[in-house]
Every structure is written in structure tokens, then in C-alpha cells.
Amino acid sequence: MGGYERRTDQRSGVGGLDCPSGRVPRPGHPGGQGVGGRGSGVGYPSRVPFSADPLWRDRTYLREEQYRSDVNLRGRQSIYEFRTPRLDLARTALDLAFLDRAGLAGDERVVDVGCGNGRYIAALAARGHAGDVVALDLSAGMLQGLEPPRGGGSGTVHRCVADAAALGLRTACAGVTIAAHMLYHVADPRAAVRELRRVTQPAGRVVVVLNHHRHLAELRALFAEAAGDSPDDWGSPESVTLDDGAGLLGEVFSTVERTDLPGQLRVSDPAVLVRYGMSVPHRSGATSEHPGFAATVERIASERIRRDGAFVVTAHPGVLICR
């Protein structure tokens, strides 16, 4: 690719990348998510305020339980089929990234940090993106489950277990870097943001997707009621919200363009709400350890659906395009 020093590292087999784990993950390869790094101290607290469940930043829990495979993630993703107005978030985020194509040719190398089960990789292929894609995730299980993208894309997808705070990639190796719904899983978000800046070319784009603090508030209230807890126990699990992210990214990038995408989830199937609730951790243990939790969620949700026609939940993600 033009402007890149191309070489194949003997360890990774990925041209010019220095893949952090040294290889595409194998079954049982643990990977890891690092911590550390100093903040700039400009316009943002020295440590990101965090009042939610610390399991969402626990590397062992994330790697070996929550994201051992994409089962939990798919359970949560299914709730967005009930969104109104309809939204393909991955497609919209990429549309925003490529809206002003100055400096972008459509064949850039794209690095997807915290790629999960590949929604953004699939959206790139659907756009016909011609460049290679580097799929990075804390979980080897997630990477093993990635399906080959379908569509008009002609680039190769390289998969590596990665540390979001120390990616191990060459400086300025990416034309576009994606970090969707992952900064709140990192112990040191500031270090991760510096890495996003470092691996992205000066004329490139960084695409960050985060949620407003009111995102899914009614769902959390439902789970608190079902578990017999205080609503505070089911506050947002995300240490970095959309507002937090805009300030944090502004420390490192000269331009941060924010697009809010508010809407509603009008859920008509209580099983979807139960599946979501069973996929998330709770401060005092797994939700499955709360006696009757699933049955209570189903009962409350069913009553609400009969009364109102749907269980209505606030949906408020946002996209931050950084240059």
C-alpha cells in the first residue's frame, strides 16, 4: 500500500504491522489487555471516573468469561433489532468517517481495535473497501469466531490478539482506525487513545463509538427491580461515556466531530430482555446467581408490553470522528 514500509514480520506474518501477540491467535491463547500510561492533564481528570461494575474492565473476566465467545455479545446485539428509527450503526459510523474523503482513497489499511464479532469489518466489506483490515481484540475466542466478510471488499483480514493500551503496531500504519464500544473496557482509556493516535496516519481518521449516559437507562432499571437492588447498583457499566470520550479524545486530536444518534428500542418480545439481562455481570455476582432473576424480568417486561404495546428503552449511541 502506498506510503507504507511493507515487510513481513517473521513472528506475525502480517506485512509491516508487528502484530502484538506475534501470531494470529490459536485456541487457548490468552491474549491480554494492558494498563498504565500517563495522562496529559489537559481538560480531563487524571483518572477516568468509574462508578460502575469493575468487571467491565477486568481483563481476565472479559477474556475468559464475558467475551470467551460472542454468545453474550450477540445476545445484547439482538435487542437493537427493535430500534426505531432503524439504524445500522456500523454503516453509519463508516459513512461519517468517509464523508469527507480528503486524504482517503478507499484502499487504506483499516485497524479495528476491539473488533468483537466483526460488525464493522462486515460493514467495510459491504462498502467495497479495497484495503487490508487488521482485526484486534483482547479475546482470542472472538477472533477465532470471525467469519470471512461478505461483499465487495478485496482486502485481507489479519487477526491478532492485542493490548488496546499498547497495540504493538507500527506508527502511522493505518489510514482509518476504528474503536467501537471498547474504550470503557480499558483500564487506562487515555493510554488507549494515545495508541489510536499513534497508529493512525496524520491525514487519517479515527472512528470512536460510545454511548450517552442515558443509553439503556430503562433496561437497567428493569434489571435492578428484578434483582431486588437499588437502581444505583445497575448504573451504566461504562467508565467512558459519549461525553467523556469527546473530552478525552480532544486532548490528543485537533478535531473531534460528534454525531449523536438517539432513538428508542420498542421491544415486543420479553425473551430479548431476559437474554440481555442474563448476559451482563452484576456487582455481587453473575445475574444467573440471583434466584428468579430471569423469571422476574420476563414477568415485569410482559406486563409492560401488554399495557403499553412495547417495553420502551432509550437508545443513544454516538460517533466521534477524530483527525
Protein backbone atom coordinates (compact mmCIF):
# COMPACT_ATOMS: atom_id res chain seq x y z
CA MET A 1 0.00 0.00 0.00
CA GLY A 2 1.39 3.36 -0.96
CA GLY A 3 3.37 5.19 1.71
CA TYR A 4 3.86 2.18 3.94
CA GLU A 5 7.03 0.28 4.54
CA ARG A 6 5.98 -3.22 3.63
CA ARG A 7 7.64 -6.15 5.25
CA THR A 8 6.52 -9.47 6.62
CA ASP A 9 7.47 -9.92 10.22
CA GLN A 10 8.71 -13.42 10.88
CA ARG A 11 6.59 -13.66 14.01
CA SER A 12 3.25 -12.32 12.82
CA GLY A 13 3.12 -12.91 9.08
CA VAL A 14 1.29 -9.57 8.76
CA GLY A 15 3.07 -7.19 6.45
CA GLY A 16 4.61 -4.23 8.27
CA LEU A 17 2.43 -4.49 11.35
CA ASP A 18 4.41 -6.10 14.18
CA CYS A 19 1.26 -7.85 15.38
CA PRO A 20 1.40 -7.56 19.17
CA SER A 21 0.97 -11.19 20.12
CA GLY A 22 3.42 -12.26 17.44
CA ARG A 23 0.85 -14.51 15.76
CA VAL A 24 -2.73 -14.99 14.83
CA PRO A 25 -4.39 -16.39 17.99
CA ARG A 26 -4.68 -20.12 18.49
CA PRO A 27 -7.28 -21.90 20.59
CA GLY A 28 -6.36 -21.37 24.23
CA HIS A 29 -4.06 -18.39 23.54
CA PRO A 30 -4.96 -15.91 26.27
CA GLY A 31 -4.00 -12.54 24.83
CA GLY A 32 -4.16 -9.65 27.24
CA GLN A 33 -5.13 -6.05 27.86
CA GLY A 34 -2.55 -3.80 29.40
CA VAL A 35 -2.73 -0.85 31.76
CA GLY A 36 -0.55 2.07 32.54
CA GLY A 37 0.48 5.28 30.88
CA ARG A 38 0.34 8.91 32.00
CA GLY A 39 -2.31 11.41 31.01
CA SER A 40 -1.73 14.87 29.58
CA GLY A 41 -3.68 16.51 32.38
CA VAL A 42 -5.38 18.84 29.90
CA GLY A 43 -9.13 19.17 30.27
CA TYR A 44 -9.67 15.67 31.66
CA PRO A 45 -9.25 14.04 35.05
CA SER A 46 -6.03 12.20 35.70
CA ARG A 47 -8.12 9.06 36.02
CA VAL A 48 -11.41 8.42 34.30
CA PRO A 49 -14.21 8.46 36.89
CA PHE A 50 -15.63 4.99 37.28
CA SER A 51 -18.62 4.09 39.42
CA ALA A 52 -19.92 1.03 37.61
CA ASP A 53 -19.15 -2.66 37.77
CA PRO A 54 -15.36 -3.10 37.64
CA LEU A 55 -15.80 -6.42 35.86
CA TRP A 56 -16.25 -4.46 32.62
CA ARG A 57 -12.55 -3.53 32.87
CA ASP A 58 -11.29 -6.81 34.33
CA ARG A 59 -9.05 -8.42 31.70
CA THR A 60 -9.44 -11.96 32.97
CA TYR A 61 -13.21 -11.74 33.21
CA LEU A 62 -13.55 -10.12 29.78
CA ARG A 63 -11.22 -12.55 28.06
CA GLU A 64 -12.22 -15.81 29.75
CA GLU A 65 -15.90 -15.29 30.54
CA GLN A 66 -17.76 -12.35 29.05
CA TYR A 67 -16.07 -12.47 25.63
CA ARG A 68 -14.77 -16.01 25.56
CA SER A 69 -17.01 -16.27 22.51
CA ASP A 70 -19.54 -13.91 21.00
CA VAL A 71 -22.56 -15.57 22.65
CA ASN A 72 -23.09 -12.79 25.21
CA LEU A 73 -22.39 -10.07 22.68
CA ARG A 74 -24.86 -11.48 20.18
CA GLY A 75 -27.46 -11.72 22.93
CA ARG A 76 -27.12 -8.00 23.55
CA GLN A 77 -26.90 -7.05 19.90
CA SER A 78 -30.26 -8.69 19.22
CA ILE A 79 -32.08 -6.01 21.18
CA TYR A 80 -31.24 -3.41 18.54
CA GLU A 81 -33.48 -5.14 16.03
CA PHE A 82 -36.28 -3.32 17.87
CA ARG A 83 -34.78 0.14 17.37
CA THR A 84 -36.78 3.00 15.93
CA PRO A 85 -35.81 4.74 13.78
CA ARG A 86 -33.86 1.85 12.29
CA LEU A 87 -30.10 2.27 12.45
CA ASP A 88 -27.17 0.31 11.07
CA LEU A 89 -24.65 1.79 13.46
CA ALA A 90 -21.53 0.31 11.85
CA ARG A 91 -22.55 1.51 8.39
CA THR A 92 -23.46 4.97 9.71
CA ALA A 93 -20.16 5.34 11.56
CA LEU A 94 -18.20 4.44 8.44
CA ASP A 95 -20.32 6.75 6.30
CA LEU A 96 -19.38 9.58 8.66
CA ALA A 97 -15.70 8.63 8.54
CA PHE A 98 -15.62 8.67 4.74
CA LEU A 99 -17.98 11.64 4.29
CA ASP A 100 -15.06 13.98 3.71
CA ARG A 101 -12.74 11.80 1.67
CA ALA A 102 -9.83 14.24 1.71
CA GLY A 103 -6.73 12.11 2.24
CA LEU A 104 -8.69 8.83 1.85
CA ALA A 105 -8.69 6.71 -1.29
CA GLY A 106 -10.81 3.73 -0.26
CA ASP A 107 -7.90 1.32 -0.14
CA GLU A 108 -6.46 2.34 3.22
CA ARG A 109 -5.37 -0.18 5.76
CA VAL A 110 -8.03 -0.19 8.49
CA VAL A 111 -7.24 -1.19 12.06
CA ASP A 112 -10.27 -2.29 14.11
CA VAL A 113 -9.37 -2.17 17.80
CA GLY A 114 -11.72 -4.33 19.86
CA CYS A 115 -13.31 -5.78 16.75
CA GLY A 116 -15.68 -8.12 18.62
CA ASN A 117 -17.62 -10.31 16.23
CA GLY A 118 -16.78 -8.20 13.21
CA ARG A 119 -19.75 -5.91 12.61
CA TYR A 120 -17.52 -3.08 11.38
CA ILE A 121 -15.40 -5.40 9.28
CA ALA A 122 -18.56 -6.62 7.57
CA ALA A 123 -19.68 -3.03 7.00
CA LEU A 124 -16.32 -2.22 5.40
CA ALA A 125 -16.70 -5.18 3.04
CA ALA A 126 -20.23 -4.04 2.17
CA ARG A 127 -18.76 -0.66 1.18
CA GLY A 128 -16.37 -2.44 -1.17
CA HIS A 129 -13.35 -1.28 0.78
CA ALA A 130 -10.21 -2.40 -1.05
CA GLY A 131 -7.64 -2.13 1.74
CA ASP A 132 -6.46 -4.71 4.25
CA VAL A 133 -8.13 -4.85 7.66
CA VAL A 134 -6.35 -5.63 10.92
CA ALA A 135 -8.80 -7.12 13.43
CA LEU A 136 -7.55 -6.73 17.01
CA ASP A 137 -9.27 -7.98 20.14
CA LEU A 138 -8.47 -8.91 23.71
CA SER A 139 -10.24 -12.24 23.22
CA ALA A 140 -8.75 -14.96 21.06
CA GLY A 141 -12.15 -16.62 21.09
CA MET A 142 -13.73 -13.61 19.44
CA LEU A 143 -11.09 -13.58 16.73
CA GLN A 144 -11.42 -17.29 16.07
CA GLY A 145 -15.14 -16.80 15.52
CA LEU A 146 -14.80 -14.03 12.95
CA GLU A 147 -16.45 -15.04 9.70
CA PRO A 148 -14.90 -14.01 6.37
CA PRO A 149 -16.59 -10.73 5.40
CA ARG A 150 -19.03 -10.84 2.51
CA GLY A 151 -19.39 -8.11 -0.04
CA GLY A 152 -17.21 -6.28 -2.48
CA GLY A 153 -14.18 -5.77 -0.27
CA SER A 154 -10.94 -7.08 -1.74
CA GLY A 155 -8.54 -6.65 1.18
CA THR A 156 -7.21 -9.31 3.52
CA VAL A 157 -8.35 -9.53 7.16
CA HIS A 158 -5.47 -10.13 9.59
CA ARG A 159 -6.40 -11.21 13.15
CA CYS A 160 -4.28 -10.56 16.23
CA VAL A 161 -4.78 -10.63 19.98
CA ALA A 162 -3.94 -7.11 21.11
CA ASP A 163 -3.46 -4.81 24.08
CA ALA A 164 -5.52 -1.65 23.46
CA ALA A 165 -3.10 0.46 25.51
CA ALA A 166 0.00 -0.88 23.69
CA LEU A 167 -1.08 -2.11 20.28
CA GLY A 168 2.35 -3.16 19.07
CA LEU A 169 1.62 -1.85 15.56
CA ARG A 170 3.91 0.44 13.65
CA THR A 171 3.38 4.17 13.95
CA ALA A 172 1.12 5.60 11.22
CA CYS A 173 0.33 2.19 9.78
CA ALA A 174 -3.42 2.82 9.40
CA GLY A 175 -5.43 5.17 7.24
CA VAL A 176 -8.52 4.55 9.34
CA THR A 177 -8.66 3.22 12.90
CA ILE A 178 -11.90 2.05 14.50
CA ALA A 179 -12.57 1.82 18.24
CA ALA A 180 -16.24 0.95 18.63
CA HIS A 181 -17.69 0.34 22.09
CA MET A 182 -14.35 -0.57 23.59
CA LEU A 183 -12.83 2.40 25.48
CA TYR A 184 -14.94 1.58 28.55
CA HIS A 185 -13.34 -1.88 28.67
CA VAL A 186 -9.81 -0.46 29.04
CA ALA A 187 -8.23 0.16 32.44
CA ASP A 188 -6.41 3.24 31.10
CA PRO A 189 -8.54 4.84 28.35
CA ARG A 190 -6.09 7.68 27.94
CA ALA A 191 -3.30 5.27 27.01
CA ALA A 192 -5.62 3.60 24.50
CA VAL A 193 -6.48 6.96 22.93
CA ARG A 194 -2.79 7.79 22.55
CA GLU A 195 -2.34 4.47 20.77
CA LEU A 196 -5.23 5.25 18.41
CA ARG A 197 -3.49 8.49 17.50
CA ARG A 198 -0.08 6.89 17.15
CA VAL A 199 -1.04 4.10 14.76
CA THR A 200 -3.17 6.36 12.54
CA GLN A 201 -1.62 8.40 9.75
CA PRO A 202 -1.70 12.20 10.20
CA ALA A 203 -4.27 12.57 7.40
CA GLY A 204 -6.25 9.54 8.54
CA ARG A 205 -9.39 9.14 10.62
CA VAL A 206 -10.14 7.57 13.96
CA VAL A 207 -13.72 6.39 14.43
CA VAL A 208 -14.84 6.04 18.05
CA VAL A 209 -18.32 4.83 19.03
CA LEU A 210 -19.62 5.32 22.58
CA ASN A 211 -22.93 5.62 24.41
CA HIS A 212 -24.64 8.52 26.16
CA HIS A 213 -25.01 8.02 29.92
CA ARG A 214 -28.81 7.64 29.49
CA HIS A 215 -28.37 4.81 26.98
CA LEU A 216 -30.49 1.81 28.08
CA ALA A 217 -31.45 3.50 31.37
CA GLU A 218 -34.90 1.87 31.45
CA LEU A 219 -33.34 -1.54 30.87
CA ARG A 220 -31.01 -1.10 33.82
CA ALA A 221 -33.97 -0.03 35.97
CA LEU A 222 -35.79 -3.21 34.94
CA PHE A 223 -32.84 -5.39 35.96
CA ALA A 224 -32.47 -3.58 39.29
CA GLU A 225 -36.14 -4.19 40.08
CA ALA A 226 -35.92 -7.83 39.08
CA ALA A 227 -32.84 -8.39 41.24
CA GLY A 228 -34.30 -6.51 44.21
CA ASP A 229 -31.46 -3.99 44.06
CA SER A 230 -31.09 -0.26 44.22
CA PRO A 231 -31.10 1.36 40.76
CA ASP A 232 -27.61 2.63 41.60
CA ASP A 233 -26.39 -0.97 41.55
CA TRP A 234 -27.36 -1.15 37.89
CA GLY A 235 -25.96 2.19 36.79
CA SER A 236 -24.20 2.44 33.46
CA PRO A 237 -21.40 -0.15 33.32
CA GLU A 238 -19.40 2.12 31.04
CA SER A 239 -16.50 4.07 32.50
CA VAL A 240 -16.26 6.24 29.38
CA THR A 241 -19.49 7.71 28.05
CA LEU A 242 -20.05 9.72 24.89
CA ASP A 243 -19.50 12.98 26.76
CA ASP A 244 -16.37 11.65 28.48
CA GLY A 245 -14.97 10.36 25.20
CA ALA A 246 -15.35 13.67 23.40
CA GLY A 247 -13.25 15.39 26.07
CA LEU A 248 -10.69 12.61 26.28
CA LEU A 249 -10.18 12.45 22.51
CA GLY A 250 -9.94 16.23 22.34
CA GLU A 251 -6.72 16.05 24.34
CA VAL A 252 -4.98 14.15 21.55
CA PHE A 253 -6.75 15.03 18.29
CA SER A 254 -7.00 18.50 16.79
CA THR A 255 -10.57 17.88 15.55
CA VAL A 256 -13.28 15.74 17.09
CA GLU A 257 -16.64 15.73 15.31
CA ARG A 258 -19.52 14.31 17.34
CA THR A 259 -22.71 12.87 15.89
CA ASP A 260 -25.43 11.76 18.30
CA LEU A 261 -27.81 9.06 17.10
CA PRO A 262 -30.69 8.99 19.61
CA GLY A 263 -33.70 6.73 19.26
CA GLN A 264 -35.78 4.16 21.09
CA LEU A 265 -35.93 0.42 21.44
CA ARG A 266 -39.58 -0.67 21.34
CA VAL A 267 -39.15 -4.26 22.47
CA SER A 268 -42.16 -6.52 22.00
CA ASP A 269 -40.51 -9.82 22.98
CA PRO A 270 -39.69 -10.22 26.70
CA ALA A 271 -37.26 -13.04 25.89
CA VAL A 272 -34.95 -10.49 24.29
CA LEU A 273 -34.83 -8.51 27.53
CA VAL A 274 -34.20 -11.66 29.56
CA ARG A 275 -31.37 -12.67 27.23
CA TYR A 276 -29.77 -9.25 27.61
CA GLY A 277 -30.06 -9.33 31.39
CA MET A 278 -28.51 -12.77 31.65
CA SER A 279 -25.53 -11.67 29.54
CA VAL A 280 -24.31 -8.90 31.83
CA PRO A 281 -22.47 -9.13 35.16
CA HIS A 282 -23.63 -7.70 38.45
CA ARG A 283 -21.52 -6.27 41.26
CA SER A 284 -22.47 -9.09 43.64
CA GLY A 285 -22.05 -11.86 41.09
CA ALA A 286 -23.46 -13.18 37.84
CA THR A 287 -27.11 -12.38 37.17
CA SER A 288 -27.74 -16.11 36.88
CA GLU A 289 -26.94 -16.37 40.62
CA HIS A 290 -29.89 -14.15 41.53
CA PRO A 291 -32.78 -16.53 42.31
CA GLY A 292 -35.69 -15.96 39.96
CA PHE A 293 -33.99 -13.12 38.10
CA ALA A 294 -34.88 -14.30 34.58
CA ALA A 295 -38.46 -15.15 35.52
CA THR A 296 -38.94 -11.79 37.21
CA VAL A 297 -37.56 -9.88 34.23
CA GLU A 298 -39.92 -11.78 31.96
CA ARG A 299 -42.91 -11.11 34.22
CA ILE A 300 -42.29 -7.37 34.57
CA ALA A 301 -41.49 -6.94 30.87
CA SER A 302 -44.55 -8.93 29.79
CA GLU A 303 -46.81 -6.78 31.96
CA ARG A 304 -45.32 -3.61 30.49
CA ILE A 305 -45.67 -4.90 26.94
CA ARG A 306 -49.32 -5.83 27.49
CA ARG A 307 -50.02 -2.41 28.96
CA ASP A 308 -48.03 -0.20 26.59
CA GLY A 309 -47.61 -2.35 23.49
CA ALA A 310 -43.82 -2.43 23.93
CA PHE A 311 -41.10 -2.11 26.54
CA VAL A 312 -39.58 1.23 25.59
CA VAL A 313 -35.87 1.83 26.17
CA THR A 314 -33.71 4.87 25.44
CA ALA A 315 -31.06 4.19 22.78
CA HIS A 316 -28.41 6.84 22.42
CA PRO A 317 -25.09 5.91 20.81
CA GLY A 318 -22.84 8.44 19.18
CA VAL A 319 -19.94 8.57 16.76
CA LEU A 320 -16.78 10.62 17.23
CA ILE A 321 -14.68 11.21 14.10
CA CYS A 322 -11.19 12.28 15.06
CA ARG A 323 -8.47 13.87 12.95
